[in-house]
Each structure stands twice: as structure tokens, then as C-alpha cells.
Protein backbone atom coordinates (compact mmCIF):
# COMPACT_ATOMS: atom_id res chain seq x y z
CA UNK A 1 -38.12 34.33 27.08
CA UNK A 2 -35.25 36.66 27.89
CA UNK A 3 -32.46 36.82 25.30
CA UNK A 4 -29.29 35.24 26.82
CA UNK A 5 -26.28 37.56 26.74
CA UNK A 6 -23.12 35.60 27.51
CA UNK A 7 -19.47 36.24 28.19
CA UNK A 8 -18.18 33.55 25.85
CA UNK A 9 -14.45 33.96 26.52
CA UNK A 10 -11.78 36.11 28.13
CA UNK A 11 -8.09 36.57 27.44
CA UNK A 12 -5.23 38.39 29.21
CA UNK A 13 -1.66 39.39 28.39
CA UNK A 14 1.27 40.84 30.31
CA UNK A 15 4.40 42.50 28.92
CA UNK A 16 7.76 40.84 29.50
CA UNK A 17 9.51 43.06 32.06
CA UNK A 18 8.76 42.17 35.68
CA UNK A 19 9.28 44.48 38.66
CA UNK A 20 9.00 43.03 42.14
CA UNK A 21 8.27 44.64 45.47
CA UNK A 22 11.97 44.38 46.33
CA UNK A 23 12.83 46.20 43.08
CA UNK A 24 10.50 49.03 44.07
CA UNK A 25 12.17 49.36 47.45
CA UNK A 26 15.61 49.34 45.88
CA UNK A 27 14.83 52.01 43.28
CA UNK A 28 12.53 54.30 45.25
CA UNK A 29 15.08 56.31 47.22
CA UNK A 30 17.42 56.85 44.29
CA UNK A 31 14.61 57.78 41.91
CA UNK A 32 12.63 60.28 43.99
CA UNK A 33 14.22 63.25 45.73
CA UNK A 34 12.55 62.78 49.11
CA UNK A 35 13.97 62.92 52.63
CA UNK A 36 14.69 59.87 54.77
CA UNK A 37 11.58 60.30 56.93
CA UNK A 38 9.28 60.31 53.94
CA UNK A 39 11.20 57.48 52.29
CA UNK A 40 10.71 55.29 55.38
CA UNK A 41 7.00 56.07 55.34
CA UNK A 42 6.79 55.08 51.67
CA UNK A 43 8.63 51.82 52.33
CA UNK A 44 5.95 50.93 54.87
CA UNK A 45 3.31 51.61 52.20
CA UNK A 46 5.19 49.39 49.74
CA UNK A 47 5.15 46.55 52.28
CA UNK A 48 1.46 47.01 53.04
CA UNK A 49 0.19 47.53 49.50
CA UNK A 50 -0.12 43.77 48.79
CA UNK A 51 1.46 44.22 45.33
CA UNK A 52 4.09 41.50 45.01
CA UNK A 53 5.00 42.16 41.40
CA UNK A 54 3.95 43.99 38.24
CA UNK A 55 4.84 43.92 34.56
CA UNK A 56 6.03 46.77 32.35
CA UNK A 57 6.62 47.24 28.62
CA UNK A 58 10.16 48.52 29.32
CA UNK A 59 12.86 47.71 31.90
CA UNK A 60 12.62 49.85 35.01
CA UNK A 61 15.93 51.62 34.31
CA UNK A 62 14.39 52.98 31.11
CA UNK A 63 10.98 53.78 32.60
CA UNK A 64 12.31 56.03 35.36
CA UNK A 65 14.09 58.36 32.94
CA UNK A 66 11.98 61.32 31.71
CA UNK A 67 11.07 61.24 28.01
CA UNK A 68 9.29 63.73 25.74
CA UNK A 69 5.55 63.38 25.33
CA UNK A 70 6.09 62.58 21.65
CA UNK A 71 8.24 59.59 22.62
CA UNK A 72 5.71 58.39 25.18
CA UNK A 73 2.94 58.62 22.59
CA UNK A 74 4.95 56.63 20.06
CA UNK A 75 5.67 53.93 22.64
CA UNK A 76 2.01 53.85 23.65
CA UNK A 77 0.92 53.31 20.05
CA UNK A 78 3.44 50.52 19.42
CA UNK A 79 2.81 48.53 22.58
CA UNK A 80 -0.96 49.05 22.88
CA UNK A 81 -1.43 47.69 19.35
CA UNK A 82 0.80 44.67 20.06
CA UNK A 83 -0.91 43.79 23.35
CA UNK A 84 -4.36 44.55 21.93
CA UNK A 85 -3.79 42.17 19.04
CA UNK A 86 -2.63 39.44 21.42
CA UNK A 87 -5.69 39.51 23.68
CA UNK A 88 -8.20 40.11 20.87
CA UNK A 89 -6.94 37.09 18.96
CA UNK A 90 -6.82 35.02 22.15
CA UNK A 91 -10.39 35.79 23.21
CA UNK A 92 -11.88 35.22 19.77
CA UNK A 93 -10.01 31.93 19.35
CA UNK A 94 -11.25 30.67 22.74
CA UNK A 95 -14.81 31.68 21.83
CA UNK A 96 -14.60 30.04 18.41
CA UNK A 97 -15.57 33.30 16.72
CA UNK A 98 -13.87 34.85 13.69
CA UNK A 99 -13.09 38.60 13.58
CA UNK A 100 -15.52 38.88 10.66
CA UNK A 101 -18.35 37.73 12.95
CA UNK A 102 -17.84 40.58 15.44
CA UNK A 103 -20.52 43.28 15.18
CA UNK A 104 -19.20 45.75 17.79
CA UNK A 105 -15.59 46.41 18.82
CA UNK A 106 -15.03 48.36 22.04
CA UNK A 107 -11.54 49.41 23.11
CA UNK A 108 -10.70 50.99 26.45
CA UNK A 109 -7.58 52.79 27.65
CA UNK A 110 -6.77 55.88 29.70
CA UNK A 111 -2.95 55.76 29.84
CA UNK A 112 -2.17 57.05 26.36
CA UNK A 113 -3.70 58.79 23.39
CA UNK A 114 -3.80 58.19 19.66
CA UNK A 115 -6.01 58.96 16.68
CA UNK A 116 -6.95 56.75 14.84
CA UNK A 117 -7.83 54.82 18.00
CA UNK A 118 -6.76 51.28 18.85
CA UNK A 119 -9.89 49.70 17.38
CA UNK A 120 -9.06 51.03 13.89
CA UNK A 121 -5.63 49.43 14.05
CA UNK A 122 -7.11 46.10 15.13
CA UNK A 123 -9.71 46.19 12.36
CA UNK A 124 -7.04 46.74 9.71
CA UNK A 125 -4.77 43.99 11.03
CA UNK A 126 -7.22 41.27 12.06
CA UNK A 127 -9.83 41.04 9.33
CA UNK A 128 -12.87 42.59 10.98
CA UNK A 129 -15.69 43.60 8.64
CA UNK A 130 -15.42 47.16 7.32
CA UNK A 131 -18.89 47.86 8.77
CA UNK A 132 -18.09 46.66 12.29
CA UNK A 133 -19.33 49.19 14.81
CA UNK A 134 -16.64 50.90 16.89
CA UNK A 135 -16.62 52.43 20.35
CA UNK A 136 -13.28 53.63 21.76
CA UNK A 137 -13.59 54.56 25.46
CA UNK A 138 -10.74 56.75 26.64
CA UNK A 139 -11.81 58.68 29.72
CA UNK A 140 -13.51 56.30 32.17
CA UNK A 141 -10.28 55.16 33.83
CA UNK A 142 -10.45 52.03 35.95
CA UNK A 143 -14.22 51.77 35.45
CA UNK A 144 -13.97 51.41 31.67
CA UNK A 145 -13.56 47.63 31.53
CA UNK A 146 -16.83 47.13 33.38
CA UNK A 147 -18.51 49.90 31.39
CA UNK A 148 -17.44 48.22 28.14
CA UNK A 149 -19.06 44.96 29.24
CA UNK A 150 -22.18 46.94 30.02
CA UNK A 151 -22.29 48.63 26.63
CA UNK A 152 -21.66 45.25 24.99
CA UNK A 153 -24.65 43.79 26.83
CA UNK A 154 -26.79 46.75 25.79
CA UNK A 155 -25.78 46.19 22.17
CA UNK A 156 -26.52 42.46 22.19
CA UNK A 157 -29.85 43.10 23.90
CA UNK A 158 -30.74 45.50 21.10
CA UNK A 159 -29.34 43.22 18.38
CA UNK A 160 -30.06 39.58 19.35
CA UNK A 161 -27.45 37.08 18.17
CA UNK A 162 -24.94 39.94 17.85
CA UNK A 163 -21.37 39.69 19.11
CA UNK A 164 -19.22 42.33 20.76
CA UNK A 165 -15.49 42.23 21.52
CA UNK A 166 -14.06 44.27 24.39
CA UNK A 167 -10.31 45.02 24.36
CA UNK A 168 -8.74 46.86 27.31
CA UNK A 169 -5.09 47.93 27.10
CA UNK A 170 -3.41 49.96 29.82
CA UNK A 171 0.22 51.10 30.04
CA UNK A 172 0.49 53.06 33.31
CA UNK A 173 4.28 52.81 33.21
CA UNK A 174 4.18 55.48 30.48
CA UNK A 175 2.61 57.89 32.96
CA UNK A 176 5.56 57.64 35.39
CA UNK A 177 6.66 61.06 36.65
CA UNK A 178 10.05 61.15 38.39
CA UNK A 179 9.88 64.84 39.34
CA UNK A 180 6.32 64.74 40.70
CA UNK A 181 6.68 64.27 44.46
CA UNK A 182 2.98 64.41 45.26
CA UNK A 183 1.67 61.62 47.45
CA UNK A 184 -0.72 60.58 44.66
CA UNK A 185 2.18 60.06 42.25
CA UNK A 186 4.29 58.17 44.78
CA UNK A 187 1.37 55.87 45.62
CA UNK A 188 0.64 55.22 41.94
CA UNK A 189 4.27 54.20 41.46
CA UNK A 190 3.65 51.40 43.93
CA UNK A 191 0.28 50.23 42.61
CA UNK A 192 -0.01 50.34 38.82
CA UNK A 193 1.17 47.84 36.22
CA UNK A 194 0.83 47.35 32.45
CA UNK A 195 -1.42 44.74 30.88
CA UNK A 196 -4.22 43.96 28.46
CA UNK A 197 -7.41 41.90 28.57
CA UNK A 198 -10.29 41.07 26.26
CA UNK A 199 -13.78 39.59 26.51
CA UNK A 200 -16.28 38.29 23.97
CA UNK A 201 -19.94 39.11 24.71
CA UNK A 202 -22.51 37.45 22.49
CA UNK A 203 -26.13 36.49 22.05
CA UNK A 204 -25.18 33.33 20.17
CA UNK A 205 -25.87 29.94 21.75
CA UNK A 206 -23.04 28.64 23.87
CA UNK A 207 -21.59 28.62 27.36
CA UNK A 208 -20.37 31.32 29.69
CA UNK A 209 -21.80 33.55 32.42
CA UNK A 210 -24.91 35.47 31.41
CA UNK A 211 -25.05 39.24 31.88
CA UNK A 212 -28.44 39.89 33.46
CA UNK A 213 -28.27 43.57 34.44
CA UNK A 214 -25.81 46.44 34.04
CA UNK A 215 -25.77 49.78 35.83
CA UNK A 216 -23.80 53.00 36.15
CA UNK A 217 -23.59 55.21 39.22
CA UNK A 218 -21.96 58.64 39.45
CA UNK A 219 -21.29 59.98 42.93
CA UNK A 220 -22.14 63.71 43.08
CA UNK A 221 -19.50 66.28 44.02
CA UNK A 222 -16.57 63.87 43.72
CA UNK A 223 -15.12 65.01 40.40
CA UNK A 224 -11.71 65.82 41.90
CA UNK A 225 -11.22 62.42 43.53
CA UNK A 226 -9.48 60.65 40.65
CA UNK A 227 -8.17 61.31 37.17
CA UNK A 228 -5.23 62.51 35.10
CA UNK A 229 -3.85 65.99 34.47
CA UNK A 230 -2.21 66.06 31.02
CA UNK A 231 0.76 68.42 31.11
CA UNK A 232 3.68 69.10 28.79
CA UNK A 233 5.66 66.17 30.16
CA UNK A 234 2.79 63.68 30.12
CA UNK A 235 0.08 62.41 32.46
CA UNK A 236 0.07 63.39 36.15
CA UNK A 237 -2.22 61.27 38.29
CA UNK A 238 -4.94 62.67 40.54
CA UNK A 239 -5.75 60.23 43.34
CA UNK A 240 -7.45 61.38 46.52
CA UNK A 241 -6.78 59.55 49.77
CA UNK A 242 -10.56 59.68 50.28
CA UNK A 243 -11.28 57.17 47.48
CA UNK A 244 -11.59 54.11 49.76
CA UNK A 245 -13.98 56.04 52.02
CA UNK A 246 -16.03 57.20 49.04
CA UNK A 247 -16.46 53.58 48.00
CA UNK A 248 -17.15 52.46 51.57
CA UNK A 249 -19.92 55.03 51.95
CA UNK A 250 -21.78 54.01 48.78
CA UNK A 251 -20.85 50.45 47.79
CA UNK A 252 -23.62 48.68 49.69
CA UNK A 253 -26.28 51.00 48.27
CA UNK A 254 -24.91 50.66 44.73
CA UNK A 255 -24.79 46.87 44.81
CA UNK A 256 -28.10 46.42 46.62
CA UNK A 257 -29.88 48.70 44.14
CA UNK A 258 -28.49 46.71 41.22
CA UNK A 259 -29.45 43.39 42.80
CA UNK A 260 -32.94 44.53 43.80
CA UNK A 261 -33.93 44.74 40.13
CA UNK A 262 -33.88 40.93 40.15
CA UNK A 263 -35.23 40.55 43.68
CA UNK A 264 -31.79 39.61 45.03
CA UNK A 265 -29.53 40.68 47.89
CA UNK A 266 -25.77 40.43 48.43
CA UNK A 267 -26.40 37.15 50.28
CA UNK A 268 -27.50 35.65 46.95
CA UNK A 269 -24.16 36.44 45.27
CA UNK A 270 -21.56 33.67 45.05
CA UNK A 271 -18.92 35.43 42.94
CA UNK A 272 -17.75 38.98 43.65
CA UNK A 273 -15.72 40.08 40.61
CA UNK A 274 -14.22 43.29 41.99
CA UNK A 275 -11.73 45.72 40.49
CA UNK A 276 -8.53 45.46 42.62
CA UNK A 277 -7.86 49.17 42.91
CA UNK A 278 -5.77 48.70 46.04
CA UNK A 279 -5.67 47.05 49.44
CA UNK A 280 -7.71 49.74 51.18
CA UNK A 281 -10.39 49.64 48.49
CA UNK A 282 -10.84 45.87 48.62
CA UNK A 283 -10.88 45.83 52.40
CA UNK A 284 -13.48 48.61 52.50
CA UNK A 285 -15.78 46.64 50.21
CA UNK A 286 -15.29 43.44 52.21
CA UNK A 287 -16.14 45.18 55.48
CA UNK A 288 -19.23 46.91 54.10
CA UNK A 289 -20.64 43.83 52.35
CA UNK A 290 -19.60 41.31 55.00
CA UNK A 291 -17.10 39.39 52.87
CA UNK A 292 -13.83 37.67 53.70
CA UNK A 293 -10.62 37.66 51.67
CA UNK A 294 -11.53 34.12 50.58
CA UNK A 295 -14.67 35.53 48.93
CA UNK A 296 -12.61 38.00 46.91
CA UNK A 297 -9.44 35.94 46.43
CA UNK A 298 -9.30 36.38 42.63
CA UNK A 299 -9.18 40.17 43.10
CA UNK A 300 -6.40 39.85 45.67
CA UNK A 301 -4.51 37.49 43.38
CA UNK A 302 -4.59 39.96 40.49
CA UNK A 303 -3.54 42.83 42.78
CA UNK A 304 -0.61 40.84 44.16
CA UNK A 305 0.60 39.41 40.86
CA UNK A 306 -0.17 42.26 38.41
CA UNK A 307 -0.96 45.42 40.38
CA UNK A 308 -3.75 47.78 39.37
CA UNK A 309 -4.05 47.76 35.57
CA UNK A 310 -6.80 50.34 35.38
CA UNK A 311 -9.58 49.34 32.94
CA UNK A 312 -8.05 45.91 32.25
CA UNK A 313 -8.00 44.89 35.92
CA UNK A 314 -11.62 43.83 36.32
CA UNK A 315 -11.30 41.71 33.16
CA UNK A 316 -8.21 40.07 34.67
CA UNK A 317 -10.28 39.27 37.75
CA UNK A 318 -13.13 37.92 35.61
CA UNK A 319 -10.64 35.74 33.75
CA UNK A 320 -9.31 34.46 37.08
CA UNK A 321 -12.83 33.52 38.20
CA UNK A 322 -13.54 31.71 34.93
CA UNK A 323 -10.24 29.80 34.90
CA UNK A 324 -9.76 28.88 38.56
CA UNK A 325 -13.12 28.88 40.32
CA UNK A 326 -15.83 26.22 40.08
CA UNK A 327 -18.93 28.40 40.32
CA UNK A 328 -22.13 26.30 40.44
CA UNK A 329 -24.62 26.55 37.59
CA UNK A 330 -27.29 29.11 38.39
CA UNK A 331 -25.09 31.00 40.89
CA UNK A 332 -25.01 34.79 40.70
CA UNK A 333 -21.99 37.03 40.37
CA UNK A 334 -21.54 40.76 40.80
CA UNK A 335 -18.88 42.53 38.75
CA UNK A 336 -17.90 46.05 39.79
CA UNK A 337 -15.24 48.61 38.93
CA UNK A 338 -14.66 52.20 39.97
CA UNK A 339 -13.21 55.19 38.18
CA UNK A 340 -13.03 58.96 37.75
CA UNK A 341 -16.15 60.99 38.04
CA UNK A 342 -16.24 59.44 40.77
CA UNK A 343 -18.18 56.53 39.38
CA UNK A 344 -19.06 52.86 39.64
CA UNK A 345 -19.97 50.43 36.86
CA UNK A 346 -21.63 47.11 37.72
CA UNK A 347 -22.86 43.98 35.99
CA UNK A 348 -24.99 41.21 37.49
CA UNK A 349 -23.90 37.82 36.17
CA UNK A 350 -25.33 34.31 36.35
CA UNK A 351 -23.24 31.23 35.72
CA UNK A 352 -24.62 28.48 33.49
């Protein structure tokens, strides 16, 4: 009999400072040195982006002012540890698992940098075993949350009855660049928000969706589509306008290939747990798979209420499905996130 690998619990956290769509419109023209024609075009994008509000670790008046990279790094360390602790403790408590029972700790983040990595700080502060295995993932971008679930499932499959904890912390507000007038930077200013999420993956008996299959897919010749360029003043985003089309051209093949391993098709999937990278991305997936906004409502909810939180986003969507949706026992779910490379990470789930 196949070893059950379950998502026993999820947890999310948002920082305290809220910025609304109206705040963005009020600050945009005074923050960026762009002409009226371009400003009007950006206001239309703000209205159409479907991001109603986001949350930041600092007030917006502080965020928009340039700061040295050393300051940004210090702020990243302070706030990533605080948010990481909050979601790690929350997920373990909900799962009824002590830190000392965790065998693998995976942390994901692409919006800051520190050595020792976040997992070492959590181990020292939370009482994990000294021999807990560690895997910090720093360069998979928005796909990292899904990839971390996949590596957790691989670990539990190799070590039955093992337990893995995934902690994703992203602080995109620290990558804000006031003097960068590229379209990619202006768009990212509208989309991204700070947040953290965690998930417990275990082979222990209990309840929670089972992870049946995981897969990775790298699209060839797309390496320049998405990423960060680290310069003297911090991170500068790389975000091609072709990203939604890249996903549109491959998403059906990626999902169908993953499902075919279990003899399934997209028609067999009841829960689509999709990374809310943006309006155009979600709409492209819906059109290619034949879904409606009702089918992907948790992804739209996270996009509207939190923005794109990079690697944490798909875990926010998973948490939304687990908390608010009554998925029948035995129903299948497909979790998917997309990131630099250009890549996709997927996990086939089954509710119990």
C-alpha cells in the first residue's frame, strides 16, 4: 500500500501596514518621474490589476525612500525572522507537532539575502533538534513554495513517518526601486506584497490532503523572462510581458502530463490551487484549461487581498482552500506555481 504523504496544516501571516489600490494611485505620480501620458496608462493598469490591497513591513512613506543595501539587508533579516517564527509556530501548533519532531526544515525566499539562512535562526529560537535536516531555497522565485512542498513529499516518501516543515517568507517591498522607470518595475510596484506562509508535510497518521505526485518543468530558452538583477542599490526585477503567454502555451501540457501519471485528466480535478501571479496569468490558465473564476476563486481572493507574495502565494491559496472550501473526500486537486527559469512546479493532491 502506498505511503500516505499529507499536508497536515498550513499557516499564514501578514505584516501590519496596509496599502490599498487608492493609496497606489495617490502615490504613483509623486513617486515616479514619469510623464502624464504614461501615468494615465499606469493608472489604468492599477485599476485592472485586481489587487485591492497589500501589506508591507513598513509604512509606504518609508518604503518609497531609497536606502542602502546594508539597511535593506538588516531589515530583511529582522522581519523575515519575525514572520517566519509566526507562521512556523502556527502551522506546527495546528498540526499538533512539536518542533523537535520535525525531520526536515525547508525555507524559501527570493526577496532578501542572509547567511546563516532563515532556517538556522528558526532552529535556534524554536527548539528544533540539532540534527534536523535543512534546505534553504533562495533562487526559485514564485515557484519555490510549490517546489518546497515537492521536496517535502520526496523526503517523506524516502523516510516514511517523517515530517517536514515548509516556511516561505517574502518581503518584496524591500526590492522597491524609485529610480527604476522600467515597465517591469512599475508593474511590480502594483502587484507585489509582503507575507509569510508555512505548511507541515508528514507521513504520520492524520488528516489533510495527500500529495500523490510532484513534478518540475523548465521551459527551454526562457531564462530571461523573469528574475532579479542584484545591483548596488538592491534588487531590480526582471519581468517579461510575455510571461502570461509562456504559461498559456504550456500550461495544459504541463498539467495533463502530471495528471496522466495517475490516469487522470483536468476534468477529474475539483480544486485548482494556482499561484496568483497576476490577472493576466490567472485568466490565461482559466482559458486554456476551461475554468471559470468560480473554479479559481481562492487564487483571485489572495491576489485581491494580498497581492503577489512570490513563493508564499501558493501556500496562501492552499490555506484558503483548506479553510473556506468544502472539498469532497476523494476529490483531486492540482497545485501549481511558476517562477524564473522559466519554470513550473506542480503537485497532485487528493482530499481525504
